[in-house]
Amino acid sequence: MLNYLYTDLAQLKARHAIPPATAETVNDAIALNLFGLYFGKGNQEMLSQQRGQITGSEDPKSMIEWIDGMIKVGWQLCSNS
């Protein structure tokens, strides 16, 4: 499952559906929906509602970076085992 998640994230980033960190205008809806597809809508809603406590900021960029980082860490942990 993590392989699919990592691949989907890479494809979305390559097609600029998930904006790069350098983008001026950011919408985190696609990143949150990707999270919801793999981890459930309930977890997606909780993440969205508590974004400030989880990421340390209400900024959409911080949410995208958090989701991206979580997926990359998971990928590394699973690919090294």
PDB file of N, CA and C in Angstrom:
ATOM      1  N   MET A   1       0.819  -1.190   0.000  1.00  0.00           N
ATOM      2  CA  MET A   1       0.000   0.000   0.000  1.00  0.00           C
ATOM      3  C   MET A   1       0.866   1.259   0.000  1.00  0.00           C
ATOM      4  N   LEU A   2       1.930   1.260   0.771  1.00  0.00           N
ATOM      5  CA  LEU A   2       2.773   2.453   0.848  1.00  0.00           C
ATOM      6  C   LEU A   2       3.425   2.753  -0.494  1.00  0.00           C
ATOM      7  N   ASN A   3       3.736   1.695  -1.244  1.00  0.00           N
ATOM      8  CA  ASN A   3       4.315   1.902  -2.565  1.00  0.00           C
ATOM      9  C   ASN A   3       3.353   2.688  -3.457  1.00  0.00           C
ATOM     10  N   TYR A   4       2.066   2.339  -3.416  1.00  0.00           N
ATOM     11  CA  TYR A   4       1.067   3.049  -4.207  1.00  0.00           C
ATOM     12  C   TYR A   4       0.929   4.496  -3.747  1.00  0.00           C
ATOM     13  N   LEU A   5       0.922   4.706  -2.451  1.00  0.00           N
ATOM     14  CA  LEU A   5       0.802   6.051  -1.904  1.00  0.00           C
ATOM     15  C   LEU A   5       1.979   6.917  -2.343  1.00  0.00           C
ATOM     16  N   TYR A   6       3.185   6.378  -2.217  1.00  0.00           N
ATOM     17  CA  TYR A   6       4.383   7.122  -2.609  1.00  0.00           C
ATOM     18  C   TYR A   6       4.355   7.434  -4.112  1.00  0.00           C
ATOM     19  N   THR A   7       3.952   6.450  -4.922  1.00  0.00           N
ATOM     20  CA  THR A   7       3.874   6.651  -6.370  1.00  0.00           C
ATOM     21  C   THR A   7       2.822   7.694  -6.724  1.00  0.00           C
ATOM     22  N   ASP A   8       1.659   7.604  -6.074  1.00  0.00           N
ATOM     23  CA  ASP A   8       0.610   8.599  -6.328  1.00  0.00           C
ATOM     24  C   ASP A   8       1.079  10.000  -5.961  1.00  0.00           C
ATOM     25  N   LEU A   9       1.742  10.137  -4.823  1.00  0.00           N
ATOM     26  CA  LEU A   9       2.271  11.438  -4.413  1.00  0.00           C
ATOM     27  C   LEU A   9       3.267  11.961  -5.436  1.00  0.00           C
ATOM     28  N   ALA A  10       4.173  11.116  -5.884  1.00  0.00           N
ATOM     29  CA  ALA A  10       5.174  11.534  -6.868  1.00  0.00           C
ATOM     30  C   ALA A  10       4.512  11.983  -8.170  1.00  0.00           C
ATOM     31  N   GLN A  11       3.498  11.250  -8.618  1.00  0.00           N
ATOM     32  CA  GLN A  11       2.790  11.619  -9.847  1.00  0.00           C
ATOM     33  C   GLN A  11       2.070  12.960  -9.697  1.00  0.00           C
ATOM     34  N   LEU A  12       1.398  13.143  -8.574  1.00  0.00           N
ATOM     35  CA  LEU A  12       0.679  14.403  -8.348  1.00  0.00           C
ATOM     36  C   LEU A  12       1.639  15.587  -8.273  1.00  0.00           C
ATOM     37  N   LYS A  13       2.786  15.378  -7.640  1.00  0.00           N
ATOM     38  CA  LYS A  13       3.776  16.457  -7.557  1.00  0.00           C
ATOM     39  C   LYS A  13       4.368  16.749  -8.935  1.00  0.00           C
ATOM     40  N   ALA A  14       4.651  15.710  -9.709  1.00  0.00           N
ATOM     41  CA  ALA A  14       5.230  15.892 -11.042  1.00  0.00           C
ATOM     42  C   ALA A  14       4.283  16.652 -11.962  1.00  0.00           C
ATOM     43  N   ARG A  15       2.992  16.461 -11.762  1.00  0.00           N
ATOM     44  CA  ARG A  15       1.998  17.141 -12.597  1.00  0.00           C
ATOM     45  C   ARG A  15       1.530  18.457 -11.982  1.00  0.00           C
ATOM     46  N   HIS A  16       2.173  18.861 -10.918  1.00  0.00           N
ATOM     47  CA  HIS A  16       1.891  20.110 -10.216  1.00  0.00           C
ATOM     48  C   HIS A  16       0.474  20.172  -9.663  1.00  0.00           C
ATOM     49  N   ALA A  17      -0.139  19.010  -9.425  1.00  0.00           N
ATOM     50  CA  ALA A  17      -1.443  18.978  -8.759  1.00  0.00           C
ATOM     51  C   ALA A  17      -1.268  19.310  -7.281  1.00  0.00           C
ATOM     52  N   ILE A  18      -0.127  18.900  -6.744  1.00  0.00           N
ATOM     53  CA  ILE A  18       0.271  19.311  -5.398  1.00  0.00           C
ATOM     54  C   ILE A  18       1.388  20.318  -5.616  1.00  0.00           C
ATOM     55  N   PRO A  19       1.163  21.563  -5.242  1.00  0.00           N
ATOM     56  CA  PRO A  19       2.129  22.618  -5.565  1.00  0.00           C
ATOM     57  C   PRO A  19       3.461  22.435  -4.834  1.00  0.00           C
ATOM     58  N   PRO A  20       4.550  22.848  -5.479  1.00  0.00           N
ATOM     59  CA  PRO A  20       5.856  22.790  -4.824  1.00  0.00           C
ATOM     60  C   PRO A  20       5.939  23.789  -3.676  1.00  0.00           C
ATOM     61  N   ALA A  21       6.881  23.594  -2.802  1.00  0.00           N
ATOM     62  CA  ALA A  21       7.051  24.466  -1.639  1.00  0.00           C
ATOM     63  C   ALA A  21       7.318  25.912  -2.044  1.00  0.00           C
ATOM     64  N   THR A  22       7.820  26.119  -3.245  1.00  0.00           N
ATOM     65  CA  THR A  22       8.151  27.470  -3.699  1.00  0.00           C
ATOM     66  C   THR A  22       6.950  28.213  -4.287  1.00  0.00           C
ATOM     67  N   ALA A  23       5.809  27.544  -4.411  1.00  0.00           N
ATOM     68  CA  ALA A  23       4.626  28.187  -4.987  1.00  0.00           C
ATOM     69  C   ALA A  23       4.122  29.301  -4.083  1.00  0.00           C
ATOM     70  N   GLU A  24       3.638  30.350  -4.695  1.00  0.00           N
ATOM     71  CA  GLU A  24       3.132  31.482  -3.914  1.00  0.00           C
ATOM     72  C   GLU A  24       1.720  31.221  -3.404  1.00  0.00           C
ATOM     73  N   THR A  25       0.882  30.640  -4.249  1.00  0.00           N
ATOM     74  CA  THR A  25      -0.492  30.334  -3.864  1.00  0.00           C
ATOM     75  C   THR A  25      -0.617  28.825  -3.711  1.00  0.00           C
ATOM     76  N   VAL A  26      -1.125  28.393  -2.562  1.00  0.00           N
ATOM     77  CA  VAL A  26      -1.174  26.968  -2.269  1.00  0.00           C
ATOM     78  C   VAL A  26      -2.562  26.575  -1.795  1.00  0.00           C
ATOM     79  N   ASN A  27      -3.018  25.433  -2.304  1.00  0.00           N
ATOM     80  CA  ASN A  27      -4.252  24.827  -1.839  1.00  0.00           C
ATOM     81  C   ASN A  27      -3.907  23.394  -1.449  1.00  0.00           C
ATOM     82  N   ASP A  28      -4.226  23.021  -0.228  1.00  0.00           N
ATOM     83  CA  ASP A  28      -3.847  21.699   0.260  1.00  0.00           C
ATOM     84  C   ASP A  28      -4.936  20.647   0.088  1.00  0.00           C
ATOM     85  N   ALA A  29      -5.988  20.950  -0.664  1.00  0.00           N
ATOM     86  CA  ALA A  29      -7.123  20.035  -0.809  1.00  0.00           C
ATOM     87  C   ALA A  29      -6.722  18.699  -1.428  1.00  0.00           C
ATOM     88  N   ILE A  30      -5.896  18.713  -2.452  1.00  0.00           N
ATOM     89  CA  ILE A  30      -5.518  17.463  -3.105  1.00  0.00           C
ATOM     90  C   ILE A  30      -4.660  16.616  -2.175  1.00  0.00           C
ATOM     91  N   ALA A  31      -3.726  17.225  -1.468  1.00  0.00           N
ATOM     92  CA  ALA A  31      -2.901  16.475  -0.518  1.00  0.00           C
ATOM     93  C   ALA A  31      -3.768  15.864   0.583  1.00  0.00           C
ATOM     94  N   LEU A  32      -4.723  16.627   1.082  1.00  0.00           N
ATOM     95  CA  LEU A  32      -5.624  16.102   2.110  1.00  0.00           C
ATOM     96  C   LEU A  32      -6.497  14.976   1.566  1.00  0.00           C
ATOM     97  N   ASN A  33      -6.976  15.103   0.346  1.00  0.00           N
ATOM     98  CA  ASN A  33      -7.782  14.043  -0.257  1.00  0.00           C
ATOM     99  C   ASN A  33      -6.963  12.777  -0.490  1.00  0.00           C
ATOM    100  N   LEU A  34      -5.706  12.925  -0.892  1.00  0.00           N
ATOM    101  CA  LEU A  34      -4.821  11.771  -1.038  1.00  0.00           C
ATOM    102  C   LEU A  34      -4.653  11.077   0.310  1.00  0.00           C
ATOM    103  N   PHE A  35      -4.440  11.853   1.342  1.00  0.00           N
ATOM    104  CA  PHE A  35      -4.335  11.314   2.701  1.00  0.00           C
ATOM    105  C   PHE A  35      -5.618  10.548   3.051  1.00  0.00           C
ATOM    106  N   GLY A  36      -6.770  11.129   2.734  1.00  0.00           N
ATOM    107  CA  GLY A  36      -8.054  10.501   3.027  1.00  0.00           C
ATOM    108  C   GLY A  36      -8.268   9.204   2.276  1.00  0.00           C
ATOM    109  N   LEU A  37      -7.793   9.126   1.034  1.00  0.00           N
ATOM    110  CA  LEU A  37      -7.934   7.894   0.262  1.00  0.00           C
ATOM    111  C   LEU A  37      -7.224   6.721   0.929  1.00  0.00           C
ATOM    112  N   TYR A  38      -6.058   6.977   1.470  1.00  0.00           N
ATOM    113  CA  TYR A  38      -5.251   5.905   2.043  1.00  0.00           C
ATOM    114  C   TYR A  38      -5.488   5.681   3.538  1.00  0.00           C
ATOM    115  N   PHE A  39      -5.874   6.716   4.256  1.00  0.00           N
ATOM    116  CA  PHE A  39      -5.996   6.596   5.712  1.00  0.00           C
ATOM    117  C   PHE A  39      -7.407   6.810   6.231  1.00  0.00           C
ATOM    118  N   GLY A  40      -8.376   7.035   5.343  1.00  0.00           N
ATOM    119  CA  GLY A  40      -9.768   7.166   5.730  1.00  0.00           C
ATOM    120  C   GLY A  40     -10.207   8.616   5.863  1.00  0.00           C
ATOM    121  N   LYS A  41     -11.470   8.834   5.533  1.00  0.00           N
ATOM    122  CA  LYS A  41     -12.030  10.187   5.577  1.00  0.00           C
ATOM    123  C   LYS A  41     -12.051  10.746   6.997  1.00  0.00           C
ATOM    124  N   GLY A  42     -12.288   9.890   7.989  1.00  0.00           N
ATOM    125  CA  GLY A  42     -12.294  10.356   9.376  1.00  0.00           C
ATOM    126  C   GLY A  42     -10.947  10.923   9.788  1.00  0.00           C
ATOM    127  N   ASN A  43      -9.876  10.234   9.395  1.00  0.00           N
ATOM    128  CA  ASN A  43      -8.533  10.729   9.705  1.00  0.00           C
ATOM    129  C   ASN A  43      -8.212  11.992   8.914  1.00  0.00           C
ATOM    130  N   GLN A  44      -8.728  12.066   7.688  1.00  0.00           N
ATOM    131  CA  GLN A  44      -8.536  13.271   6.877  1.00  0.00           C
ATOM    132  C   GLN A  44      -9.204  14.470   7.539  1.00  0.00           C
ATOM    133  N   GLU A  45     -10.430  14.287   8.001  1.00  0.00           N
ATOM    134  CA  GLU A  45     -11.151  15.382   8.649  1.00  0.00           C
ATOM    135  C   GLU A  45     -10.453  15.806   9.934  1.00  0.00           C
ATOM    136  N   MET A  46      -9.991  14.827  10.720  1.00  0.00           N
ATOM    137  CA  MET A  46      -9.282  15.150  11.960  1.00  0.00           C
ATOM    138  C   MET A  46      -8.004  15.933  11.659  1.00  0.00           C
ATOM    139  N   LEU A  47      -7.270  15.492  10.641  1.00  0.00           N
ATOM    140  CA  LEU A  47      -6.043  16.181  10.254  1.00  0.00           C
ATOM    141  C   LEU A  47      -6.338  17.610   9.817  1.00  0.00           C
ATOM    142  N   SER A  48      -7.383  17.793   9.037  1.00  0.00           N
ATOM    143  CA  SER A  48      -7.752  19.116   8.560  1.00  0.00           C
ATOM    144  C   SER A  48      -8.183  20.031   9.704  1.00  0.00           C
ATOM    145  N   GLN A  49      -8.965  19.489  10.634  1.00  0.00           N
ATOM    146  CA  GLN A  49      -9.476  20.297  11.738  1.00  0.00           C
ATOM    147  C   GLN A  49      -8.393  20.651  12.749  1.00  0.00           C
ATOM    148  N   GLN A  50      -7.415  19.785  12.913  1.00  0.00           N
ATOM    149  CA  GLN A  50      -6.380  20.008  13.923  1.00  0.00           C
ATOM    150  C   GLN A  50      -5.028  20.325  13.304  1.00  0.00           C
ATOM    151  N   ARG A  51      -5.046  20.879  12.114  1.00  0.00           N
ATOM    152  CA  ARG A  51      -3.808  21.151  11.376  1.00  0.00           C
ATOM    153  C   ARG A  51      -2.808  21.996  12.157  1.00  0.00           C
ATOM    154  N   GLY A  52      -3.293  22.989  12.875  1.00  0.00           N
ATOM    155  CA  GLY A  52      -2.386  23.853  13.638  1.00  0.00           C
ATOM    156  C   GLY A  52      -1.656  23.103  14.737  1.00  0.00           C
ATOM    157  N   GLN A  53      -2.339  22.198  15.389  1.00  0.00           N
ATOM    158  CA  GLN A  53      -1.718  21.416  16.455  1.00  0.00           C
ATOM    159  C   GLN A  53      -0.780  20.359  15.894  1.00  0.00           C
ATOM    160  N   ILE A  54      -1.101  19.813  14.732  1.00  0.00           N
ATOM    161  CA  ILE A  54      -0.294  18.741  14.141  1.00  0.00           C
ATOM    162  C   ILE A  54       0.929  19.293  13.423  1.00  0.00           C
ATOM    163  N   THR A  55       0.741  20.338  12.633  1.00  0.00           N
ATOM    164  CA  THR A  55       1.848  20.857  11.822  1.00  0.00           C
ATOM    165  C   THR A  55       2.524  22.083  12.432  1.00  0.00           C
ATOM    166  N   GLY A  56       1.870  22.690  13.409  1.00  0.00           N
ATOM    167  CA  GLY A  56       2.437  23.884  14.026  1.00  0.00           C
ATOM    168  C   GLY A  56       2.046  25.169  13.314  1.00  0.00           C
ATOM    169  N   SER A  57       1.179  25.056  12.289  1.00  0.00           N
ATOM    170  CA  SER A  57       0.779  26.232  11.528  1.00  0.00           C
ATOM    171  C   SER A  57      -0.564  25.973  10.851  1.00  0.00           C
ATOM    172  N   GLU A  58      -1.297  27.037  10.598  1.00  0.00           N
ATOM    173  CA  GLU A  58      -2.553  26.934   9.854  1.00  0.00           C
ATOM    174  C   GLU A  58      -2.323  27.085   8.348  1.00  0.00           C
ATOM    175  N   ASP A  59      -1.112  27.387   7.944  1.00  0.00           N
ATOM    176  CA  ASP A  59      -0.758  27.609   6.544  1.00  0.00           C
ATOM    177  C   ASP A  59      -0.908  26.317   5.735  1.00  0.00           C
ATOM    178  N   PRO A  60      -1.586  26.356   4.580  1.00  0.00           N
ATOM    179  CA  PRO A  60      -1.723  25.158   3.747  1.00  0.00           C
ATOM    180  C   PRO A  60      -0.383  24.538   3.345  1.00  0.00           C
ATOM    181  N   LYS A  61       0.659  25.383   3.175  1.00  0.00           N
ATOM    182  CA  LYS A  61       1.973  24.850   2.826  1.00  0.00           C
ATOM    183  C   LYS A  61       2.490  23.898   3.893  1.00  0.00           C
ATOM    184  N   SER A  62       2.256  24.228   5.147  1.00  0.00           N
ATOM    185  CA  SER A  62       2.742  23.360   6.217  1.00  0.00           C
ATOM    186  C   SER A  62       2.022  22.015   6.209  1.00  0.00           C
ATOM    187  N   MET A  63       0.743  22.013   5.826  1.00  0.00           N
ATOM    188  CA  MET A  63       0.004  20.754   5.735  1.00  0.00           C
ATOM    189  C   MET A  63       0.563  19.891   4.615  1.00  0.00           C
ATOM    190  N   ILE A  64       0.815  20.484   3.465  1.00  0.00           N
ATOM    191  CA  ILE A  64       1.384  19.741   2.336  1.00  0.00           C
ATOM    192  C   ILE A  64       2.751  19.192   2.711  1.00  0.00           C
ATOM    193  N   GLU A  65       3.588  20.003   3.337  1.00  0.00           N
ATOM    194  CA  GLU A  65       4.922  19.549   3.740  1.00  0.00           C
ATOM    195  C   GLU A  65       4.837  18.417   4.754  1.00  0.00           C
ATOM    196  N   TRP A  66       3.872  18.492   5.682  1.00  0.00           N
ATOM    197  CA  TRP A  66       3.717  17.448   6.693  1.00  0.00           C
ATOM    198  C   TRP A  66       3.302  16.129   6.036  1.00  0.00           C
ATOM    199  N   ILE A  67       2.312  16.175   5.147  1.00  0.00           N
ATOM    200  CA  ILE A  67       1.857  14.965   4.463  1.00  0.00           C
ATOM    201  C   ILE A  67       2.983  14.396   3.602  1.00  0.00           C
ATOM    202  N   ASP A  68       3.674  15.248   2.872  1.00  0.00           N
ATOM    203  CA  ASP A  68       4.796  14.829   2.030  1.00  0.00           C
ATOM    204  C   ASP A  68       5.884  14.168   2.881  1.00  0.00           C
ATOM    205  N   GLY A  69       6.233  14.795   3.976  1.00  0.00           N
ATOM    206  CA  GLY A  69       7.268  14.244   4.860  1.00  0.00           C
ATOM    207  C   GLY A  69       6.861  12.919   5.461  1.00  0.00           C
ATOM    208  N   MET A  70       5.602  12.807   5.885  1.00  0.00           N
ATOM    209  CA  MET A  70       5.123  11.562   6.476  1.00  0.00           C
ATOM    210  C   MET A  70       5.210  10.425   5.460  1.00  0.00           C
ATOM    211  N   ILE A  71       4.814  10.685   4.225  1.00  0.00           N
ATOM    212  CA  ILE A  71       4.859   9.658   3.188  1.00  0.00           C
ATOM    213  C   ILE A  71       6.301   9.262   2.882  1.00  0.00           C
ATOM    214  N   LYS A  72       7.185  10.240   2.795  1.00  0.00           N
ATOM    215  CA  LYS A  72       8.599   9.935   2.514  1.00  0.00           C
ATOM    216  C   LYS A  72       9.246   9.126   3.636  1.00  0.00           C
ATOM    217  N   VAL A  73       8.947   9.465   4.872  1.00  0.00           N
ATOM    218  CA  VAL A  73       9.497   8.710   6.005  1.00  0.00           C
ATOM    219  C   VAL A  73       8.963   7.282   5.982  1.00  0.00           C
ATOM    220  N   GLY A  74       7.664   7.130   5.758  1.00  0.00           N
ATOM    221  CA  GLY A  74       7.077   5.800   5.673  1.00  0.00           C
ATOM    222  C   GLY A  74       7.693   4.978   4.558  1.00  0.00           C
ATOM    223  N   TRP A  75       7.912   5.638   3.426  1.00  0.00           N
ATOM    224  CA  TRP A  75       8.534   4.950   2.284  1.00  0.00           C
ATOM    225  C   TRP A  75       9.931   4.466   2.652  1.00  0.00           C
ATOM    226  N   GLN A  76      10.726   5.310   3.279  1.00  0.00           N
ATOM    227  CA  GLN A  76      12.075   4.928   3.670  1.00  0.00           C
ATOM    228  C   GLN A  76      12.076   3.789   4.684  1.00  0.00           C
ATOM    229  N   LEU A  77      11.186   3.863   5.660  1.00  0.00           N
ATOM    230  CA  LEU A  77      11.112   2.818   6.675  1.00  0.00           C
ATOM    231  C   LEU A  77      10.721   1.477   6.055  1.00  0.00           C
ATOM    232  N   CYS A  78       9.782   1.487   5.152  1.00  0.00           N
ATOM    233  CA  CYS A  78       9.312   0.240   4.541  1.00  0.00           C
ATOM    234  C   CYS A  78      10.268  -0.292   3.476  1.00  0.00           C
ATOM    235  N   SER A  79      10.941   0.599   2.759  1.00  0.00           N
ATOM    236  CA  SER A  79      11.845   0.135   1.702  1.00  0.00           C
ATOM    237  C   SER A  79      13.163  -0.396   2.260  1.00  0.00           C
ATOM    238  N   ASN A  80      13.499  -0.031   3.497  1.00  0.00           N
ATOM    239  CA  ASN A  80      14.739  -0.517   4.114  1.00  0.00           C
ATOM    240  C   ASN A  80      14.547  -1.796   4.910  1.00  0.00           C
ATOM    241  N   SER A  81      13.310  -2.285   4.998  1.00  0.00           N
ATOM    242  CA  SER A  81      13.085  -3.489   5.797  1.00  0.00           C
ATOM    243  C   SER A  81      13.008  -4.735   4.946  1.00  0.00           C
TER     244      SER A  81
END
